[in-house]
């Protein structure tokens, strides 16, 4: 994934978080409990190269990069507006989450991908 694809992947992920985009579920009791708790409540960095859901995977069902400035602007808007939301979708791996969990997820997911590019 290049930087522009990463921006589009994050935009798609926020769309899943808002309920605007569907991502097929891949959850079980372990991912809804222990994995979610570790991912959201510990300082452990998220593992790299884990598969994502096909609907938000670049080169599969994810939104293809188009215009860099527009895609980056959309991500900035998602970051701001996401924190103001009260209603969220269902995470395809972690299941239903509270607003607090979604906000932590948003921060950790963006941070995870920015670190991949040394930002």
PDB file of N, CA and C in Angstrom:
ATOM      1  N   UNK A   1       0.845  -1.167   0.000  1.00  0.00           N
ATOM      2  CA  UNK A   1       0.000   0.000   0.000  1.00  0.00           C
ATOM      3  C   UNK A   1       0.892   1.234   0.000  1.00  0.00           C
ATOM      4  N   UNK A   2       0.616   2.132  -0.932  1.00  0.00           N
ATOM      5  CA  UNK A   2       1.364   3.386  -0.926  1.00  0.00           C
ATOM      6  C   UNK A   2       0.605   4.417  -0.079  1.00  0.00           C
ATOM      7  N   UNK A   3       1.170   5.603   0.064  1.00  0.00           N
ATOM      8  CA  UNK A   3       0.590   6.612   0.952  1.00  0.00           C
ATOM      9  C   UNK A   3      -0.813   7.026   0.511  1.00  0.00           C
ATOM     10  N   UNK A   4      -1.009   7.186  -0.782  1.00  0.00           N
ATOM     11  CA  UNK A   4      -2.326   7.599  -1.259  1.00  0.00           C
ATOM     12  C   UNK A   4      -3.356   6.485  -1.023  1.00  0.00           C
ATOM     13  N   UNK A   5      -2.978   5.260  -1.241  1.00  0.00           N
ATOM     14  CA  UNK A   5      -3.872   4.137  -0.955  1.00  0.00           C
ATOM     15  C   UNK A   5      -4.204   4.075   0.536  1.00  0.00           C
ATOM     16  N   UNK A   6      -3.223   4.372   1.378  1.00  0.00           N
ATOM     17  CA  UNK A   6      -3.452   4.367   2.825  1.00  0.00           C
ATOM     18  C   UNK A   6      -4.490   5.411   3.209  1.00  0.00           C
ATOM     19  N   UNK A   7      -4.416   6.597   2.621  1.00  0.00           N
ATOM     20  CA  UNK A   7      -5.397   7.649   2.888  1.00  0.00           C
ATOM     21  C   UNK A   7      -6.798   7.162   2.509  1.00  0.00           C
ATOM     22  N   UNK A   8      -6.915   6.535   1.347  1.00  0.00           N
ATOM     23  CA  UNK A   8      -8.219   6.028   0.902  1.00  0.00           C
ATOM     24  C   UNK A   8      -8.699   4.889   1.792  1.00  0.00           C
ATOM     25  N   UNK A   9      -7.790   4.042   2.236  1.00  0.00           N
ATOM     26  CA  UNK A   9      -8.153   2.961   3.159  1.00  0.00           C
ATOM     27  C   UNK A   9      -8.683   3.539   4.469  1.00  0.00           C
ATOM     28  N   UNK A  10      -8.039   4.560   4.989  1.00  0.00           N
ATOM     29  CA  UNK A  10      -8.516   5.186   6.222  1.00  0.00           C
ATOM     30  C   UNK A  10      -9.889   5.821   6.009  1.00  0.00           C
ATOM     31  N   UNK A  11     -10.086   6.482   4.870  1.00  0.00           N
ATOM     32  CA  UNK A  11     -11.400   7.055   4.577  1.00  0.00           C
ATOM     33  C   UNK A  11     -12.466   5.960   4.543  1.00  0.00           C
ATOM     34  N   UNK A  12     -12.167   4.851   3.869  1.00  0.00           N
ATOM     35  CA  UNK A  12     -13.119   3.737   3.823  1.00  0.00           C
ATOM     36  C   UNK A  12     -13.383   3.188   5.220  1.00  0.00           C
ATOM     37  N   UNK A  13     -12.355   3.097   6.033  1.00  0.00           N
ATOM     38  CA  UNK A  13     -12.516   2.585   7.397  1.00  0.00           C
ATOM     39  C   UNK A  13     -13.416   3.488   8.221  1.00  0.00           C
ATOM     40  N   UNK A  14     -13.244   4.803   8.076  1.00  0.00           N
ATOM     41  CA  UNK A  14     -14.131   5.732   8.778  1.00  0.00           C
ATOM     42  C   UNK A  14     -15.557   5.603   8.253  1.00  0.00           C
ATOM     43  N   UNK A  15     -15.712   5.342   6.946  1.00  0.00           N
ATOM     44  CA  UNK A  15     -17.062   5.125   6.411  1.00  0.00           C
ATOM     45  C   UNK A  15     -17.714   3.899   7.050  1.00  0.00           C
ATOM     46  N   UNK A  16     -16.930   2.863   7.299  1.00  0.00           N
ATOM     47  CA  UNK A  16     -17.463   1.691   8.006  1.00  0.00           C
ATOM     48  C   UNK A  16     -17.864   2.109   9.419  1.00  0.00           C
ATOM     49  N   UNK A  17     -17.027   2.893  10.062  1.00  0.00           N
ATOM     50  CA  UNK A  17     -17.318   3.346  11.421  1.00  0.00           C
ATOM     51  C   UNK A  17     -18.570   4.186  11.523  1.00  0.00           C
ATOM     52  N   UNK A  18     -18.883   4.932  10.480  1.00  0.00           N
ATOM     53  CA  UNK A  18     -20.094   5.754  10.490  1.00  0.00           C
ATOM     54  C   UNK A  18     -21.310   4.966  10.024  1.00  0.00           C
ATOM     55  N   UNK A  19     -21.092   3.781   9.493  1.00  0.00           N
ATOM     56  CA  UNK A  19     -22.194   2.988   8.963  1.00  0.00           C
ATOM     57  C   UNK A  19     -22.493   3.282   7.504  1.00  0.00           C
ATOM     58  N   UNK A  20     -21.695   4.137   6.861  1.00  0.00           N
ATOM     59  CA  UNK A  20     -21.903   4.491   5.458  1.00  0.00           C
ATOM     60  C   UNK A  20     -21.433   3.401   4.499  1.00  0.00           C
ATOM     61  N   UNK A  21     -20.507   2.563   4.937  1.00  0.00           N
ATOM     62  CA  UNK A  21     -19.938   1.525   4.073  1.00  0.00           C
ATOM     63  C   UNK A  21     -20.013   0.188   4.800  1.00  0.00           C
ATOM     64  N   UNK A  22     -20.317  -0.831   4.048  1.00  0.00           N
ATOM     65  CA  UNK A  22     -20.403  -2.183   4.596  1.00  0.00           C
ATOM     66  C   UNK A  22     -19.034  -2.849   4.539  1.00  0.00           C
ATOM     67  N   UNK A  23     -18.696  -3.547   5.595  1.00  0.00           N
ATOM     68  CA  UNK A  23     -17.508  -4.410   5.617  1.00  0.00           C
ATOM     69  C   UNK A  23     -17.964  -5.739   6.217  1.00  0.00           C
ATOM     70  N   UNK A  24     -17.710  -6.800   5.506  1.00  0.00           N
ATOM     71  CA  UNK A  24     -18.169  -8.120   5.944  1.00  0.00           C
ATOM     72  C   UNK A  24     -17.602  -8.472   7.308  1.00  0.00           C
ATOM     73  N   UNK A  25     -18.425  -9.067   8.158  1.00  0.00           N
ATOM     74  CA  UNK A  25     -17.966  -9.396   9.513  1.00  0.00           C
ATOM     75  C   UNK A  25     -16.966 -10.547   9.515  1.00  0.00           C
ATOM     76  N   UNK A  26     -16.019 -10.446  10.423  1.00  0.00           N
ATOM     77  CA  UNK A  26     -15.025 -11.509  10.653  1.00  0.00           C
ATOM     78  C   UNK A  26     -14.752 -11.554  12.143  1.00  0.00           C
ATOM     79  N   UNK A  27     -15.831 -11.535  12.909  1.00  0.00           N
ATOM     80  CA  UNK A  27     -15.671 -11.476  14.355  1.00  0.00           C
ATOM     81  C   UNK A  27     -16.063 -12.797  14.991  1.00  0.00           C
ATOM     82  N   UNK A  28     -15.506 -12.992  16.151  1.00  0.00           N
ATOM     83  CA  UNK A  28     -15.871 -14.131  16.984  1.00  0.00           C
ATOM     84  C   UNK A  28     -15.725 -13.677  18.432  1.00  0.00           C
ATOM     85  N   UNK A  29     -15.991 -14.559  19.352  1.00  0.00           N
ATOM     86  CA  UNK A  29     -15.958 -14.162  20.759  1.00  0.00           C
ATOM     87  C   UNK A  29     -14.571 -13.647  21.163  1.00  0.00           C
ATOM     88  N   UNK A  30     -13.523 -14.179  20.598  1.00  0.00           N
ATOM     89  CA  UNK A  30     -12.169 -13.743  20.938  1.00  0.00           C
ATOM     90  C   UNK A  30     -11.891 -12.330  20.423  1.00  0.00           C
ATOM     91  N   UNK A  31     -12.273 -12.049  19.166  1.00  0.00           N
ATOM     92  CA  UNK A  31     -11.995 -10.717  18.618  1.00  0.00           C
ATOM     93  C   UNK A  31     -12.882  -9.650  19.256  1.00  0.00           C
ATOM     94  N   UNK A  32     -14.098 -10.024  19.670  1.00  0.00           N
ATOM     95  CA  UNK A  32     -15.004  -9.063  20.299  1.00  0.00           C
ATOM     96  C   UNK A  32     -14.626  -8.763  21.744  1.00  0.00           C
ATOM     97  N   UNK A  33     -13.779  -9.584  22.334  1.00  0.00           N
ATOM     98  CA  UNK A  33     -13.434  -9.397  23.744  1.00  0.00           C
ATOM     99  C   UNK A  33     -11.938  -9.139  23.906  1.00  0.00           C
ATOM    100  N   UNK A  34     -11.155 -10.183  23.943  1.00  0.00           N
ATOM    101  CA  UNK A  34      -9.729 -10.066  24.259  1.00  0.00           C
ATOM    102  C   UNK A  34      -8.958  -9.251  23.214  1.00  0.00           C
ATOM    103  N   UNK A  35      -9.154  -9.549  21.942  1.00  0.00           N
ATOM    104  CA  UNK A  35      -8.408  -8.830  20.902  1.00  0.00           C
ATOM    105  C   UNK A  35      -8.792  -7.352  20.905  1.00  0.00           C
ATOM    106  N   UNK A  36     -10.077  -7.067  21.033  1.00  0.00           N
ATOM    107  CA  UNK A  36     -10.513  -5.669  21.085  1.00  0.00           C
ATOM    108  C   UNK A  36      -9.905  -4.967  22.298  1.00  0.00           C
ATOM    109  N   UNK A  37      -9.926  -5.601  23.449  1.00  0.00           N
ATOM    110  CA  UNK A  37      -9.376  -4.986  24.649  1.00  0.00           C
ATOM    111  C   UNK A  37      -7.881  -4.702  24.474  1.00  0.00           C
ATOM    112  N   UNK A  38      -7.143  -5.654  23.957  1.00  0.00           N
ATOM    113  CA  UNK A  38      -5.702  -5.464  23.734  1.00  0.00           C
ATOM    114  C   UNK A  38      -5.462  -4.341  22.735  1.00  0.00           C
ATOM    115  N   UNK A  39      -6.211  -4.345  21.622  1.00  0.00           N
ATOM    116  CA  UNK A  39      -6.014  -3.344  20.564  1.00  0.00           C
ATOM    117  C   UNK A  39      -6.347  -1.934  21.032  1.00  0.00           C
ATOM    118  N   UNK A  40      -7.358  -1.806  21.891  1.00  0.00           N
ATOM    119  CA  UNK A  40      -7.824  -0.479  22.278  1.00  0.00           C
ATOM    120  C   UNK A  40      -7.321  -0.005  23.637  1.00  0.00           C
ATOM    121  N   UNK A  41      -6.924  -0.918  24.495  1.00  0.00           N
ATOM    122  CA  UNK A  41      -6.626  -0.536  25.881  1.00  0.00           C
ATOM    123  C   UNK A  41      -5.173  -0.729  26.309  1.00  0.00           C
ATOM    124  N   UNK A  42      -4.339  -1.239  25.422  1.00  0.00           N
ATOM    125  CA  UNK A  42      -2.941  -1.412  25.777  1.00  0.00           C
ATOM    126  C   UNK A  42      -2.071  -0.563  24.853  1.00  0.00           C
ATOM    127  N   UNK A  43      -0.859  -0.264  25.259  1.00  0.00           N
ATOM    128  CA  UNK A  43       0.023   0.518  24.395  1.00  0.00           C
ATOM    129  C   UNK A  43       0.733  -0.312  23.327  1.00  0.00           C
ATOM    130  N   UNK A  44       0.418  -1.590  23.239  1.00  0.00           N
ATOM    131  CA  UNK A  44       1.081  -2.440  22.245  1.00  0.00           C
ATOM    132  C   UNK A  44       0.791  -1.929  20.836  1.00  0.00           C
ATOM    133  N   UNK A  45       1.816  -1.819  19.996  1.00  0.00           N
ATOM    134  CA  UNK A  45       1.560  -1.401  18.614  1.00  0.00           C
ATOM    135  C   UNK A  45       0.796  -2.489  17.875  1.00  0.00           C
ATOM    136  N   UNK A  46      -0.021  -2.056  16.940  1.00  0.00           N
ATOM    137  CA  UNK A  46      -0.775  -3.013  16.139  1.00  0.00           C
ATOM    138  C   UNK A  46       0.171  -3.715  15.169  1.00  0.00           C
ATOM    139  N   UNK A  47      -0.060  -4.981  14.955  1.00  0.00           N
ATOM    140  CA  UNK A  47       0.764  -5.772  14.044  1.00  0.00           C
ATOM    141  C   UNK A  47       0.585  -5.266  12.611  1.00  0.00           C
ATOM    142  N   UNK A  48       1.625  -5.396  11.839  1.00  0.00           N
ATOM    143  CA  UNK A  48       1.578  -5.009  10.424  1.00  0.00           C
ATOM    144  C   UNK A  48       1.231  -6.218   9.569  1.00  0.00           C
ATOM    145  N   UNK A  49       0.729  -5.935   8.383  1.00  0.00           N
ATOM    146  CA  UNK A  49       0.420  -6.947   7.370  1.00  0.00           C
ATOM    147  C   UNK A  49      -0.697  -7.901   7.760  1.00  0.00           C
ATOM    148  N   UNK A  50      -1.565  -7.471   8.675  1.00  0.00           N
ATOM    149  CA  UNK A  50      -2.749  -8.273   8.959  1.00  0.00           C
ATOM    150  C   UNK A  50      -3.763  -8.016   7.847  1.00  0.00           C
ATOM    151  N   UNK A  51      -4.477  -9.027   7.419  1.00  0.00           N
ATOM    152  CA  UNK A  51      -5.454  -8.799   6.351  1.00  0.00           C
ATOM    153  C   UNK A  51      -6.604  -7.918   6.839  1.00  0.00           C
ATOM    154  N   UNK A  52      -7.092  -7.073   5.949  1.00  0.00           N
ATOM    155  CA  UNK A  52      -8.243  -6.235   6.244  1.00  0.00           C
ATOM    156  C   UNK A  52      -9.458  -6.826   5.539  1.00  0.00           C
ATOM    157  N   UNK A  53     -10.592  -6.292   5.766  1.00  0.00           N
ATOM    158  CA  UNK A  53     -11.795  -6.785   5.106  1.00  0.00           C
ATOM    159  C   UNK A  53     -11.721  -6.434   3.627  1.00  0.00           C
ATOM    160  N   UNK A  54     -12.208  -7.317   2.762  1.00  0.00           N
ATOM    161  CA  UNK A  54     -12.067  -7.094   1.312  1.00  0.00           C
ATOM    162  C   UNK A  54     -12.739  -5.807   0.828  1.00  0.00           C
ATOM    163  N   UNK A  55     -13.788  -5.372   1.491  1.00  0.00           N
ATOM    164  CA  UNK A  55     -14.514  -4.178   1.048  1.00  0.00           C
ATOM    165  C   UNK A  55     -13.729  -2.893   1.258  1.00  0.00           C
ATOM    166  N   UNK A  56     -12.685  -2.937   2.087  1.00  0.00           N
ATOM    167  CA  UNK A  56     -11.863  -1.735   2.304  1.00  0.00           C
ATOM    168  C   UNK A  56     -10.396  -1.979   1.952  1.00  0.00           C
ATOM    169  N   UNK A  57     -10.132  -3.118   1.336  1.00  0.00           N
ATOM    170  CA  UNK A  57      -8.759  -3.454   0.932  1.00  0.00           C
ATOM    171  C   UNK A  57      -8.436  -2.785  -0.401  1.00  0.00           C
ATOM    172  N   UNK A  58      -7.323  -2.110  -0.456  1.00  0.00           N
ATOM    173  CA  UNK A  58      -6.883  -1.487  -1.690  1.00  0.00           C
ATOM    174  C   UNK A  58      -6.616  -2.566  -2.741  1.00  0.00           C
ATOM    175  N   UNK A  59      -7.081  -2.308  -3.963  1.00  0.00           N
ATOM    176  CA  UNK A  59      -6.905  -3.278  -5.039  1.00  0.00           C
ATOM    177  C   UNK A  59      -8.000  -4.331  -5.065  1.00  0.00           C
ATOM    178  N   UNK A  60      -8.899  -4.269  -4.094  1.00  0.00           N
ATOM    179  CA  UNK A  60     -10.039  -5.196  -4.063  1.00  0.00           C
ATOM    180  C   UNK A  60     -11.319  -4.363  -4.040  1.00  0.00           C
ATOM    181  N   UNK A  61     -11.918  -4.210  -2.873  1.00  0.00           N
ATOM    182  CA  UNK A  61     -13.172  -3.463  -2.790  1.00  0.00           C
ATOM    183  C   UNK A  61     -13.031  -2.057  -2.269  1.00  0.00           C
ATOM    184  N   UNK A  62     -11.815  -1.661  -1.922  1.00  0.00           N
ATOM    185  CA  UNK A  62     -11.601  -0.325  -1.369  1.00  0.00           C
ATOM    186  C   UNK A  62     -11.661   0.755  -2.427  1.00  0.00           C
ATOM    187  N   UNK A  63     -11.909   1.969  -1.979  1.00  0.00           N
ATOM    188  CA  UNK A  63     -11.955   3.114  -2.878  1.00  0.00           C
ATOM    189  C   UNK A  63     -10.557   3.374  -3.433  1.00  0.00           C
ATOM    190  N   UNK A  64     -10.456   3.437  -4.756  1.00  0.00           N
ATOM    191  CA  UNK A  64      -9.163   3.684  -5.395  1.00  0.00           C
ATOM    192  C   UNK A  64      -8.767   5.148  -5.237  1.00  0.00           C
ATOM    193  N   UNK A  65      -7.469   5.416  -5.104  1.00  0.00           N
ATOM    194  CA  UNK A  65      -7.005   6.800  -5.030  1.00  0.00           C
ATOM    195  C   UNK A  65      -7.432   7.578  -6.273  1.00  0.00           C
ATOM    196  N   UNK A  66      -7.797   8.828  -6.058  1.00  0.00           N
ATOM    197  CA  UNK A  66      -8.193   9.683  -7.176  1.00  0.00           C
ATOM    198  C   UNK A  66      -7.363  10.968  -7.137  1.00  0.00           C
ATOM    199  N   UNK A  67      -7.809  11.936  -6.354  1.00  0.00           N
ATOM    200  CA  UNK A  67      -7.119  13.212  -6.243  1.00  0.00           C
ATOM    201  C   UNK A  67      -6.536  13.330  -4.842  1.00  0.00           C
ATOM    202  N   UNK A  68      -5.229  13.470  -4.741  1.00  0.00           N
ATOM    203  CA  UNK A  68      -4.525  13.491  -3.454  1.00  0.00           C
ATOM    204  C   UNK A  68      -5.104  14.536  -2.500  1.00  0.00           C
ATOM    205  N   UNK A  69      -5.232  15.776  -2.973  1.00  0.00           N
ATOM    206  CA  UNK A  69      -5.715  16.850  -2.101  1.00  0.00           C
ATOM    207  C   UNK A  69      -7.140  16.576  -1.616  1.00  0.00           C
ATOM    208  N   UNK A  70      -7.997  16.113  -2.507  1.00  0.00           N
ATOM    209  CA  UNK A  70      -9.381  15.819  -2.123  1.00  0.00           C
ATOM    210  C   UNK A  70      -9.437  14.667  -1.132  1.00  0.00           C
ATOM    211  N   UNK A  71      -8.666  13.601  -1.392  1.00  0.00           N
ATOM    212  CA  UNK A  71      -8.677  12.440  -0.502  1.00  0.00           C
ATOM    213  C   UNK A  71      -8.130  12.796   0.881  1.00  0.00           C
ATOM    214  N   UNK A  72      -7.080  13.607   0.934  1.00  0.00           N
ATOM    215  CA  UNK A  72      -6.527  14.045   2.230  1.00  0.00           C
ATOM    216  C   UNK A  72      -7.508  14.955   2.961  1.00  0.00           C
ATOM    217  N   UNK A  73      -8.168  15.833   2.229  1.00  0.00           N
ATOM    218  CA  UNK A  73      -9.163  16.719   2.826  1.00  0.00           C
ATOM    219  C   UNK A  73     -10.310  15.902   3.419  1.00  0.00           C
ATOM    220  N   UNK A  74     -10.721  14.866   2.695  1.00  0.00           N
ATOM    221  CA  UNK A  74     -11.790  14.000   3.194  1.00  0.00           C
ATOM    222  C   UNK A  74     -11.366  13.316   4.499  1.00  0.00           C
ATOM    223  N   UNK A  75     -10.118  12.877   4.569  1.00  0.00           N
ATOM    224  CA  UNK A  75      -9.636  12.238   5.793  1.00  0.00           C
ATOM    225  C   UNK A  75      -9.640  13.238   6.954  1.00  0.00           C
ATOM    226  N   UNK A  76      -9.172  14.445   6.710  1.00  0.00           N
ATOM    227  CA  UNK A  76      -9.191  15.460   7.766  1.00  0.00           C
ATOM    228  C   UNK A  76     -10.623  15.700   8.254  1.00  0.00           C
ATOM    229  N   UNK A  77     -11.569  15.768   7.329  1.00  0.00           N
ATOM    230  CA  UNK A  77     -12.971  15.966   7.705  1.00  0.00           C
ATOM    231  C   UNK A  77     -13.492  14.786   8.524  1.00  0.00           C
ATOM    232  N   UNK A  78     -13.143  13.570   8.127  1.00  0.00           N
ATOM    233  CA  UNK A  78     -13.569  12.394   8.886  1.00  0.00           C
ATOM    234  C   UNK A  78     -13.015  12.437  10.307  1.00  0.00           C
ATOM    235  N   UNK A  79     -11.761  12.797  10.449  1.00  0.00           N
ATOM    236  CA  UNK A  79     -11.141  12.820  11.776  1.00  0.00           C
ATOM    237  C   UNK A  79     -11.879  13.792  12.692  1.00  0.00           C
ATOM    238  N   UNK A  80     -12.221  14.957  12.180  1.00  0.00           N
ATOM    239  CA  UNK A  80     -12.923  15.948  12.998  1.00  0.00           C
ATOM    240  C   UNK A  80     -14.362  15.520  13.255  1.00  0.00           C
ATOM    241  N   UNK A  81     -15.087  15.163  12.215  1.00  0.00           N
ATOM    242  CA  UNK A  81     -16.510  14.860  12.378  1.00  0.00           C
ATOM    243  C   UNK A  81     -16.742  13.560  13.140  1.00  0.00           C
ATOM    244  N   UNK A  82     -15.815  12.616  13.044  1.00  0.00           N
ATOM    245  CA  UNK A  82     -15.974  11.337  13.727  1.00  0.00           C
ATOM    246  C   UNK A  82     -16.062  11.549  15.234  1.00  0.00           C
ATOM    247  N   UNK A  83     -15.282  12.468  15.745  1.00  0.00           N
ATOM    248  CA  UNK A  83     -15.282  12.709  17.191  1.00  0.00           C
ATOM    249  C   UNK A  83     -16.576  13.360  17.667  1.00  0.00           C
ATOM    250  N   UNK A  84     -17.332  13.935  16.758  1.00  0.00           N
ATOM    251  CA  UNK A  84     -18.584  14.597  17.116  1.00  0.00           C
ATOM    252  C   UNK A  84     -19.798  13.673  16.990  1.00  0.00           C
ATOM    253  N   UNK A  85     -19.611  12.488  16.444  1.00  0.00           N
ATOM    254  CA  UNK A  85     -20.720  11.554  16.212  1.00  0.00           C
ATOM    255  C   UNK A  85     -21.256  10.969  17.504  1.00  0.00           C
ATOM    256  N   UNK A  86     -22.491  10.556  17.443  1.00  0.00           N
ATOM    257  CA  UNK A  86     -23.109   9.827  18.553  1.00  0.00           C
ATOM    258  C   UNK A  86     -23.527   8.426  18.107  1.00  0.00           C
ATOM    259  N   UNK A  87     -23.679   8.219  16.815  1.00  0.00           N
ATOM    260  CA  UNK A  87     -24.101   6.926  16.269  1.00  0.00           C
ATOM    261  C   UNK A  87     -22.982   6.369  15.395  1.00  0.00           C
ATOM    262  N   UNK A  88     -22.754   5.073  15.517  1.00  0.00           N
ATOM    263  CA  UNK A  88     -21.677   4.422  14.787  1.00  0.00           C
ATOM    264  C   UNK A  88     -22.172   3.124  14.178  1.00  0.00           C
ATOM    265  N   UNK A  89     -21.408   2.618  13.225  1.00  0.00           N
ATOM    266  CA  UNK A  89     -21.698   1.322  12.647  1.00  0.00           C
ATOM    267  C   UNK A  89     -21.179   0.222  13.570  1.00  0.00           C
ATOM    268  N   UNK A  90     -21.101  -0.973  13.019  1.00  0.00           N
ATOM    269  CA  UNK A  90     -20.575  -2.125  13.752  1.00  0.00           C
ATOM    270  C   UNK A  90     -19.205  -2.456  13.165  1.00  0.00           C
ATOM    271  N   UNK A  91     -18.217  -2.552  14.023  1.00  0.00           N
ATOM    272  CA  UNK A  91     -16.874  -2.887  13.561  1.00  0.00           C
ATOM    273  C   UNK A  91     -16.878  -4.330  13.066  1.00  0.00           C
ATOM    274  N   UNK A  92     -16.306  -4.593  11.894  1.00  0.00           N
ATOM    275  CA  UNK A  92     -16.379  -5.945  11.333  1.00  0.00           C
ATOM    276  C   UNK A  92     -15.596  -7.001  12.115  1.00  0.00           C
ATOM    277  N   UNK A  93     -14.667  -6.589  12.946  1.00  0.00           N
ATOM    278  CA  UNK A  93     -13.878  -7.546  13.729  1.00  0.00           C
ATOM    279  C   UNK A  93     -14.180  -7.434  15.216  1.00  0.00           C
ATOM    280  N   UNK A  94     -14.347  -6.214  15.716  1.00  0.00           N
ATOM    281  CA  UNK A  94     -14.560  -5.992  17.147  1.00  0.00           C
ATOM    282  C   UNK A  94     -16.038  -5.977  17.538  1.00  0.00           C
ATOM    283  N   UNK A  95     -16.950  -5.925  16.579  1.00  0.00           N
ATOM    284  CA  UNK A  95     -18.382  -5.908  16.871  1.00  0.00           C
ATOM    285  C   UNK A  95     -18.867  -4.532  17.286  1.00  0.00           C
ATOM    286  N   UNK A  96     -20.019  -4.502  17.959  1.00  0.00           N
ATOM    287  CA  UNK A  96     -20.589  -3.234  18.424  1.00  0.00           C
ATOM    288  C   UNK A  96     -19.656  -2.614  19.471  1.00  0.00           C
ATOM    289  N   UNK A  97     -19.429  -1.315  19.329  1.00  0.00           N
ATOM    290  CA  UNK A  97     -18.525  -0.629  20.254  1.00  0.00           C
ATOM    291  C   UNK A  97     -19.161   0.654  20.747  1.00  0.00           C
ATOM    292  N   UNK A  98     -18.719   1.082  21.908  1.00  0.00           N
ATOM    293  CA  UNK A  98     -19.157   2.357  22.469  1.00  0.00           C
ATOM    294  C   UNK A  98     -18.499   3.506  21.696  1.00  0.00           C
ATOM    295  N   UNK A  99     -19.001   4.718  21.913  1.00  0.00           N
ATOM    296  CA  UNK A  99     -18.383   5.895  21.302  1.00  0.00           C
ATOM    297  C   UNK A  99     -16.921   5.989  21.721  1.00  0.00           C
ATOM    298  N   UNK A 100     -16.650   5.777  22.995  1.00  0.00           N
ATOM    299  CA  UNK A 100     -15.279   5.838  23.493  1.00  0.00           C
ATOM    300  C   UNK A 100     -14.381   4.842  22.753  1.00  0.00           C
ATOM    301  N   UNK A 101     -14.866   3.620  22.581  1.00  0.00           N
ATOM    302  CA  UNK A 101     -14.079   2.611  21.851  1.00  0.00           C
ATOM    303  C   UNK A 101     -13.845   3.034  20.403  1.00  0.00           C
ATOM    304  N   UNK A 102     -14.892   3.575  19.744  1.00  0.00           N
ATOM    305  CA  UNK A 102     -14.725   4.013  18.360  1.00  0.00           C
ATOM    306  C   UNK A 102     -13.700   5.139  18.259  1.00  0.00           C
ATOM    307  N   UNK A 103     -13.695   6.053  19.215  1.00  0.00           N
ATOM    308  CA  UNK A 103     -12.735   7.160  19.149  1.00  0.00           C
ATOM    309  C   UNK A 103     -11.313   6.668  19.372  1.00  0.00           C
ATOM    310  N   UNK A 104     -11.149   5.736  20.291  1.00  0.00           N
ATOM    311  CA  UNK A 104      -9.821   5.140  20.487  1.00  0.00           C
ATOM    312  C   UNK A 104      -9.403   4.395  19.225  1.00  0.00           C
ATOM    313  N   UNK A 105     -10.327   3.607  18.671  1.00  0.00           N
ATOM    314  CA  UNK A 105     -10.028   2.879  17.434  1.00  0.00           C
ATOM    315  C   UNK A 105      -9.588   3.844  16.336  1.00  0.00           C
ATOM    316  N   UNK A 106     -10.320   4.952  16.155  1.00  0.00           N
ATOM    317  CA  UNK A 106      -9.981   5.913  15.103  1.00  0.00           C
ATOM    318  C   UNK A 106      -8.572   6.454  15.266  1.00  0.00           C
ATOM    319  N   UNK A 107      -8.239   6.847  16.494  1.00  0.00           N
ATOM    320  CA  UNK A 107      -6.889   7.346  16.758  1.00  0.00           C
ATOM    321  C   UNK A 107      -5.847   6.266  16.485  1.00  0.00           C
ATOM    322  N   UNK A 108      -6.071   5.082  17.031  1.00  0.00           N
ATOM    323  CA  UNK A 108      -5.078   4.002  16.900  1.00  0.00           C
ATOM    324  C   UNK A 108      -4.921   3.556  15.448  1.00  0.00           C
ATOM    325  N   UNK A 109      -6.027   3.528  14.692  1.00  0.00           N
ATOM    326  CA  UNK A 109      -5.948   3.083  13.301  1.00  0.00           C
ATOM    327  C   UNK A 109      -5.172   4.086  12.446  1.00  0.00           C
ATOM    328  N   UNK A 110      -5.482   5.375  12.609  1.00  0.00           N
ATOM    329  CA  UNK A 110      -4.745   6.403  11.870  1.00  0.00           C
ATOM    330  C   UNK A 110      -3.272   6.369  12.278  1.00  0.00           C
ATOM    331  N   UNK A 111      -3.001   6.314  13.574  1.00  0.00           N
ATOM    332  CA  UNK A 111      -1.628   6.267  14.077  1.00  0.00           C
ATOM    333  C   UNK A 111      -0.876   5.059  13.513  1.00  0.00           C
ATOM    334  N   UNK A 112      -1.523   3.913  13.495  1.00  0.00           N
ATOM    335  CA  UNK A 112      -0.917   2.678  12.973  1.00  0.00           C
ATOM    336  C   UNK A 112      -0.437   2.880  11.535  1.00  0.00           C
ATOM    337  N   UNK A 113      -1.289   3.457  10.698  1.00  0.00           N
ATOM    338  CA  UNK A 113      -0.913   3.612   9.290  1.00  0.00           C
ATOM    339  C   UNK A 113       0.077   4.760   9.081  1.00  0.00           C
ATOM    340  N   UNK A 114      -0.044   5.839   9.820  1.00  0.00           N
ATOM    341  CA  UNK A 114       0.941   6.919   9.679  1.00  0.00           C
ATOM    342  C   UNK A 114       2.330   6.437  10.086  1.00  0.00           C
ATOM    343  N   UNK A 115       2.415   5.621  11.118  1.00  0.00           N
ATOM    344  CA  UNK A 115       3.712   5.079  11.546  1.00  0.00           C
ATOM    345  C   UNK A 115       4.340   4.211  10.455  1.00  0.00           C
ATOM    346  N   UNK A 116       3.506   3.550   9.660  1.00  0.00           N
ATOM    347  CA  UNK A 116       4.034   2.736   8.562  1.00  0.00           C
ATOM    348  C   UNK A 116       4.823   3.590   7.581  1.00  0.00           C
ATOM    349  N   UNK A 117       4.467   4.875   7.500  1.00  0.00           N
ATOM    350  CA  UNK A 117       5.132   5.789   6.567  1.00  0.00           C
ATOM    351  C   UNK A 117       6.057   6.757   7.290  1.00  0.00           C
ATOM    352  N   UNK A 118       6.355   6.457   8.546  1.00  0.00           N
ATOM    353  CA  UNK A 118       7.332   7.246   9.293  1.00  0.00           C
ATOM    354  C   UNK A 118       6.825   8.617   9.712  1.00  0.00           C
ATOM    355  N   UNK A 119       5.517   8.775   9.795  1.00  0.00           N
ATOM    356  CA  UNK A 119       4.934  10.062  10.201  1.00  0.00           C
ATOM    357  C   UNK A 119       4.629  10.033  11.677  1.00  0.00           C
TER     358      UNK A 119
END
